[in-house]
Amino acid sequence: MFFYLLGIKLSSISFEAFQNLPELEDLDMSYNKLSNFDFSMFDQVGTLAMFYVNVSHNNLKDLSVNMSSTFGSEVGKVKIIKTFS
């Protein structure tokens, strides 16, 4: 499953936004107005074997990633794209 939410002026994301989406593989939220991004919002997604996230070209001040609690031991590959300015 692919979600492309780029360039739509997102400034925040609800922690429930991605619940029950175990087939989510690709999430592009580039070119928005996000100031923080916390991977714990994916706790209810399910087991993710491969996951690609693009949050480049945002105003991120805080990028929180805790792979062990967010993805557990089942994670195969996670790629995060963020360009810090």
Protein backbone atom coordinates (compact mmCIF):
# COMPACT_ATOMS: atom_id res chain seq x y z
CA MET A 1 0.00 0.00 0.00
CA PHE A 2 1.31 3.43 -0.92
CA PHE A 3 0.29 6.82 0.51
CA TYR A 4 1.45 9.94 -1.25
CA LEU A 5 0.61 12.99 0.84
CA LEU A 6 3.21 15.33 -0.59
CA GLY A 7 2.77 19.05 -0.96
CA ILE A 8 -0.64 19.32 0.70
CA LYS A 9 0.46 21.65 3.53
CA LEU A 10 0.16 19.09 6.35
CA SER A 11 1.25 20.64 9.64
CA SER A 12 0.39 17.73 11.96
CA ILE A 13 -0.57 14.07 11.87
CA SER A 14 -2.98 12.29 14.18
CA PHE A 15 -1.50 9.30 16.02
CA GLU A 16 -4.47 7.25 14.77
CA ALA A 17 -3.92 8.13 11.10
CA PHE A 18 -2.09 4.92 10.17
CA GLN A 19 -3.71 2.36 12.48
CA ASN A 20 -4.61 -1.02 11.03
CA LEU A 21 -2.66 -0.60 7.79
CA PRO A 22 -0.38 -3.68 7.90
CA GLU A 23 0.31 -3.46 4.16
CA LEU A 24 1.65 0.09 4.28
CA GLU A 25 5.05 0.09 2.53
CA ASP A 26 5.59 3.58 1.17
CA LEU A 27 4.64 6.87 2.79
CA ASP A 28 5.62 10.15 1.16
CA MET A 29 4.88 13.26 3.20
CA SER A 30 7.51 15.49 1.63
CA TYR A 31 6.98 19.17 0.90
CA ASN A 32 4.62 19.80 3.79
CA LYS A 33 4.77 21.88 6.96
CA LEU A 34 5.46 19.18 9.53
CA SER A 35 7.50 20.34 12.52
CA ASN A 36 7.73 16.96 14.27
CA PHE A 37 7.45 13.34 13.28
CA ASP A 38 7.21 10.49 15.78
CA PHE A 39 7.39 6.92 14.57
CA SER A 40 5.34 5.71 17.53
CA MET A 41 2.30 6.64 15.44
CA PHE A 42 2.96 3.41 13.56
CA ASP A 43 2.60 1.20 16.66
CA GLN A 44 -0.83 0.00 15.52
CA VAL A 45 0.05 -0.49 11.87
CA GLY A 46 1.11 -4.10 12.30
CA THR A 47 4.25 -5.97 11.31
CA LEU A 48 6.12 -4.05 8.66
CA ALA A 49 8.61 -6.11 6.67
CA MET A 50 9.75 -3.13 4.62
CA PHE A 51 8.85 0.50 5.10
CA TYR A 52 9.85 3.64 3.22
CA VAL A 53 9.10 7.11 4.61
CA ASN A 54 9.93 10.41 2.95
CA VAL A 55 9.56 13.47 5.18
CA SER A 56 12.05 15.65 3.34
CA HIS A 57 11.39 19.32 2.68
CA ASN A 58 9.41 19.88 5.87
CA ASN A 59 10.16 22.12 8.86
CA LEU A 60 11.10 19.20 11.13
CA LYS A 61 12.59 20.15 14.45
CA ASP A 62 11.98 16.75 16.04
CA LEU A 63 12.31 13.34 14.39
CA SER A 64 11.64 10.58 16.95
CA VAL A 65 12.52 7.04 15.94
CA ASN A 66 12.56 4.07 18.30
CA MET A 67 12.68 1.06 16.01
CA SER A 68 12.47 -1.59 18.73
CA SER A 69 9.24 -0.31 20.25
CA THR A 70 7.73 0.88 16.99
CA PHE A 71 8.50 -2.05 14.74
CA GLY A 72 9.49 -4.82 17.15
CA SER A 73 11.88 -7.56 16.13
CA GLU A 74 10.01 -8.31 12.90
CA VAL A 75 11.25 -5.28 11.00
CA GLY A 76 13.25 -6.14 7.94
CA LYS A 77 14.16 -2.79 6.42
CA VAL A 78 13.19 0.78 7.19
CA LYS A 79 14.36 3.73 5.13
CA ILE A 80 13.81 7.28 6.35
CA ILE A 81 14.50 10.24 4.13
CA LYS A 82 14.93 13.58 5.85
CA THR A 83 17.04 16.48 4.71
CA PHE A 84 18.18 18.62 7.63
CA SER A 85 18.74 22.28 6.82
